[in-house]
């Protein structure tokens, strides 16, 4: 399910499936995109930041056209203890690899991978990014 912003409308709460993971997408070419992500973060329950949130940065192949500082997005990942993934959606191979990675993260967040919790996985992702 996709949403352009948070909070989600409450009138369909009873029909909404459980939310296992939230992916905040930020287009590096749009300052509005980062501002929208920052505004939406206030509407996410703190418990979700324990392994069930990640930031996906798109448009990274066009750094020359960047309107958003990559460090600002890294900082969001640090502040919210959440992984940051970078992707160029216009390249098929990278788009497919990113989708597969997000799907695997979702499987972990939803509890479909025995022996791996979302919190443990998030911790591993953070440490690998810090190295």
Protein backbone atom coordinates (compact mmCIF):
# COMPACT_ATOMS: atom_id res chain seq x y z
CA UNK A 1 0.00 0.00 0.00
CA UNK A 2 1.22 3.45 -0.85
CA UNK A 3 0.49 6.73 0.85
CA UNK A 4 1.74 10.15 -0.17
CA UNK A 5 1.77 11.42 3.41
CA UNK A 6 0.90 10.61 6.99
CA UNK A 7 -1.27 10.38 9.02
CA UNK A 8 -3.41 7.88 7.16
CA UNK A 9 -7.13 8.70 7.03
CA UNK A 10 -8.93 7.11 9.98
CA UNK A 11 -12.22 6.36 8.19
CA UNK A 12 -10.84 3.11 6.75
CA UNK A 13 -8.92 1.92 9.82
CA UNK A 14 -11.11 -1.17 10.16
CA UNK A 15 -10.27 -2.24 6.58
CA UNK A 16 -6.54 -1.49 6.72
CA UNK A 17 -4.21 -4.49 6.98
CA UNK A 18 -1.55 -4.61 9.66
CA UNK A 19 1.43 -2.37 8.88
CA UNK A 20 4.65 -4.36 9.12
CA UNK A 21 7.11 -1.86 7.68
CA UNK A 22 7.21 1.77 6.59
CA UNK A 23 9.51 2.88 3.79
CA UNK A 24 9.97 6.63 3.54
CA UNK A 25 10.93 7.53 -0.03
CA UNK A 26 12.92 10.66 -0.64
CA UNK A 27 13.74 11.92 -4.12
CA UNK A 28 17.18 13.51 -3.97
CA UNK A 29 16.10 15.99 -6.67
CA UNK A 30 13.27 17.45 -4.56
CA UNK A 31 13.57 19.45 -1.33
CA UNK A 32 9.79 19.06 -0.97
CA UNK A 33 10.29 15.30 -0.84
CA UNK A 34 12.60 15.55 2.19
CA UNK A 35 10.31 18.07 3.91
CA UNK A 36 7.35 15.72 3.37
CA UNK A 37 9.30 12.80 4.90
CA UNK A 38 10.30 14.93 7.89
CA UNK A 39 6.69 16.05 8.43
CA UNK A 40 5.40 12.46 8.21
CA UNK A 41 7.88 11.15 10.78
CA UNK A 42 5.96 12.87 13.57
CA UNK A 43 2.95 10.63 12.82
CA UNK A 44 4.78 7.33 13.27
CA UNK A 45 4.59 5.54 16.60
CA UNK A 46 7.99 5.37 18.30
CA UNK A 47 7.84 1.56 18.47
CA UNK A 48 8.01 1.38 14.67
CA UNK A 49 11.50 2.82 14.71
CA UNK A 50 12.69 -0.39 16.33
CA UNK A 51 13.44 -2.14 13.07
CA UNK A 52 10.33 -1.42 11.00
CA UNK A 53 11.25 1.82 9.23
CA UNK A 54 13.75 2.51 6.49
CA UNK A 55 14.54 5.44 4.24
CA UNK A 56 14.80 4.89 0.49
CA UNK A 57 16.63 7.62 -1.41
CA UNK A 58 15.89 7.74 -5.14
CA UNK A 59 17.57 9.64 -7.94
CA UNK A 60 21.08 9.04 -6.65
CA UNK A 61 22.43 8.59 -10.17
CA UNK A 62 21.93 12.31 -10.75
CA UNK A 63 23.93 13.87 -7.94
CA UNK A 64 24.54 16.93 -10.16
CA UNK A 65 20.80 17.68 -10.04
CA UNK A 66 20.53 17.10 -6.31
CA UNK A 67 18.39 19.45 -4.23
CA UNK A 68 18.79 17.44 -1.03
CA UNK A 69 22.01 16.94 0.91
CA UNK A 70 22.75 13.24 1.27
CA UNK A 71 24.04 13.97 4.78
CA UNK A 72 20.57 15.21 5.78
CA UNK A 73 19.14 11.81 4.88
CA UNK A 74 21.97 9.93 6.62
CA UNK A 75 21.20 12.05 9.69
CA UNK A 76 17.53 10.95 9.58
CA UNK A 77 18.70 7.35 9.53
CA UNK A 78 20.91 7.98 12.54
CA UNK A 79 18.32 9.94 14.53
CA UNK A 80 15.60 7.35 13.93
CA UNK A 81 17.94 4.33 14.14
CA UNK A 82 16.77 3.19 10.73
CA UNK A 83 18.63 1.99 7.63
CA UNK A 84 19.07 4.20 4.58
CA UNK A 85 18.99 2.60 1.13
CA UNK A 86 20.03 4.36 -2.07
CA UNK A 87 18.51 3.57 -5.45
CA UNK A 88 18.31 4.77 -9.02
CA UNK A 89 14.82 3.78 -10.17
CA UNK A 90 15.58 4.34 -13.85
CA UNK A 91 18.13 1.49 -13.95
CA UNK A 92 16.39 -1.89 -14.22
CA UNK A 93 19.03 -3.93 -12.41
CA UNK A 94 19.27 -1.56 -9.46
CA UNK A 95 15.48 -1.18 -9.26
CA UNK A 96 15.02 -4.97 -9.17
CA UNK A 97 17.80 -5.45 -6.59
CA UNK A 98 16.33 -2.72 -4.38
CA UNK A 99 12.84 -4.22 -4.64
CA UNK A 100 14.22 -7.64 -3.66
CA UNK A 101 16.06 -6.12 -0.72
CA UNK A 102 12.93 -4.29 0.45
CA UNK A 103 10.89 -7.47 0.09
CA UNK A 104 13.38 -9.38 2.23
CA UNK A 105 13.31 -6.61 4.83
CA UNK A 106 9.49 -6.77 4.80
CA UNK A 107 9.55 -10.55 5.30
CA UNK A 108 11.76 -10.03 8.36
CA UNK A 109 9.63 -7.17 9.71
CA UNK A 110 6.47 -9.26 9.27
CA UNK A 111 8.03 -12.14 11.22
CA UNK A 112 8.23 -14.56 8.29
CA UNK A 113 11.95 -15.32 8.69
CA UNK A 114 12.52 -17.69 11.61
CA UNK A 115 15.21 -16.65 14.05
CA UNK A 116 15.58 -13.07 12.77
CA UNK A 117 13.72 -10.18 14.37
CA UNK A 118 13.22 -6.77 12.79
CA UNK A 119 15.16 -5.17 15.64
CA UNK A 120 18.11 -7.53 15.19
CA UNK A 121 18.11 -7.03 11.43
CA UNK A 122 17.94 -3.24 11.76
CA UNK A 123 20.83 -3.32 14.19
CA UNK A 124 22.92 -5.34 11.72
CA UNK A 125 22.10 -2.95 8.88
CA UNK A 126 23.06 0.09 10.95
CA UNK A 127 26.40 -1.37 11.99
CA UNK A 128 27.29 -2.39 8.43
CA UNK A 129 26.55 1.15 7.24
CA UNK A 130 28.75 2.62 9.99
CA UNK A 131 31.82 0.61 8.94
